[in-house]
Amino acid sequence: MNPSTQQQVIDLIAQAAQIEVSSIHPHDHLLEDLKLDSLELAEVVALLHHTFSIRTAGICEPGCLTVSQVVQRVIQLIHRQAA
């Protein structure tokens, strides 16, 4: 996992959720642990799109709701777009 990408994703989640970066861990579930609501999830998606210039449709699907899963998905989308 790219530490730089991971930190950027964590920073964006913290920004959208208005929580401290230090309270976010890779295993945290966006809904259950971080208590993000639907508007905050939408903001995370918009921030990811803007920051990484990737197509973010489906990035926060039900099967991709931990911080590390979102990071992995972002990395996949970056590589897919570069190909």
Protein backbone atom coordinates (compact mmCIF):
# COMPACT_ATOMS: atom_id res chain seq x y z
CA MET A 1 0.00 0.00 0.00
CA ASN A 2 1.38 3.36 -0.97
CA PRO A 3 1.87 5.27 2.32
CA SER A 4 1.50 8.60 0.58
CA THR A 5 -1.82 7.63 -1.00
CA GLN A 6 -3.01 6.13 2.28
CA GLN A 7 -2.23 9.33 4.16
CA GLN A 8 -3.92 11.47 1.52
CA VAL A 9 -7.08 9.33 1.71
CA ILE A 10 -7.06 9.50 5.52
CA ASP A 11 -6.61 13.28 5.37
CA LEU A 12 -9.59 13.58 3.01
CA ILE A 13 -11.78 11.37 5.19
CA ALA A 14 -10.84 13.46 8.23
CA GLN A 15 -11.67 16.64 6.33
CA ALA A 16 -15.08 15.37 5.21
CA ALA A 17 -15.99 13.94 8.61
CA GLN A 18 -14.47 16.84 10.54
CA ILE A 19 -12.51 14.52 12.80
CA GLU A 20 -8.86 14.34 13.83
CA VAL A 21 -6.56 12.52 11.42
CA SER A 22 -4.97 10.71 14.37
CA SER A 23 -8.30 9.05 15.19
CA ILE A 24 -8.52 7.32 11.79
CA HIS A 25 -6.96 3.88 11.30
CA PRO A 26 -6.79 1.67 8.20
CA HIS A 27 -9.13 -0.97 9.67
CA ASP A 28 -11.83 1.59 10.60
CA HIS A 29 -15.22 1.14 8.96
CA LEU A 30 -16.46 4.42 7.48
CA LEU A 31 -20.01 4.00 8.74
CA GLU A 32 -19.69 1.95 11.92
CA ASP A 33 -16.41 3.24 13.38
CA LEU A 34 -16.10 6.73 11.93
CA LYS A 35 -19.86 7.37 11.86
CA LEU A 36 -19.86 9.00 8.42
CA ASP A 37 -23.32 9.79 7.12
CA SER A 38 -24.38 9.76 3.47
CA LEU A 39 -23.46 13.41 2.91
CA GLU A 40 -20.00 12.89 4.38
CA LEU A 41 -19.51 9.81 2.19
CA ALA A 42 -20.50 11.87 -0.83
CA GLU A 43 -17.99 14.52 0.20
CA VAL A 44 -15.26 11.88 0.55
CA VAL A 45 -16.03 10.66 -2.97
CA ALA A 46 -15.95 14.21 -4.35
CA LEU A 47 -12.66 14.95 -2.59
CA LEU A 48 -11.12 11.72 -3.89
CA HIS A 49 -12.24 12.59 -7.43
CA HIS A 50 -10.81 16.09 -7.19
CA THR A 51 -7.54 15.10 -5.48
CA PHE A 52 -6.63 12.07 -7.57
CA SER A 53 -8.44 12.96 -10.83
CA ILE A 54 -10.05 9.53 -10.94
CA ARG A 55 -13.53 8.30 -11.81
CA THR A 56 -14.95 7.55 -8.39
CA ALA A 57 -18.26 5.86 -9.22
CA GLY A 58 -18.74 2.98 -6.78
CA ILE A 59 -15.67 3.77 -4.72
CA CYS A 60 -17.62 3.59 -1.46
CA GLU A 61 -19.70 0.54 -2.35
CA PRO A 62 -20.93 -1.68 0.49
CA GLY A 63 -17.97 -4.00 -0.06
CA CYS A 64 -15.48 -1.14 0.19
CA LEU A 65 -16.19 0.58 3.45
CA THR A 66 -13.03 0.38 5.51
CA VAL A 67 -10.34 3.00 5.16
CA SER A 68 -7.86 0.44 3.79
CA GLN A 69 -10.43 -0.81 1.24
CA VAL A 70 -10.99 2.74 0.01
CA VAL A 71 -7.22 3.25 -0.24
CA GLN A 72 -6.85 0.02 -2.23
CA ARG A 73 -9.67 1.06 -4.56
CA VAL A 74 -8.11 4.48 -5.13
CA ILE A 75 -4.77 2.85 -5.99
CA GLN A 76 -6.52 0.46 -8.42
CA LEU A 77 -8.31 3.35 -10.11
CA ILE A 78 -5.11 5.38 -10.39
CA HIS A 79 -3.32 2.42 -12.05
CA ARG A 80 -6.27 1.62 -14.30
CA GLN A 81 -6.49 5.21 -15.46
CA ALA A 82 -2.75 5.36 -16.14
CA ALA A 83 -2.90 2.22 -18.32
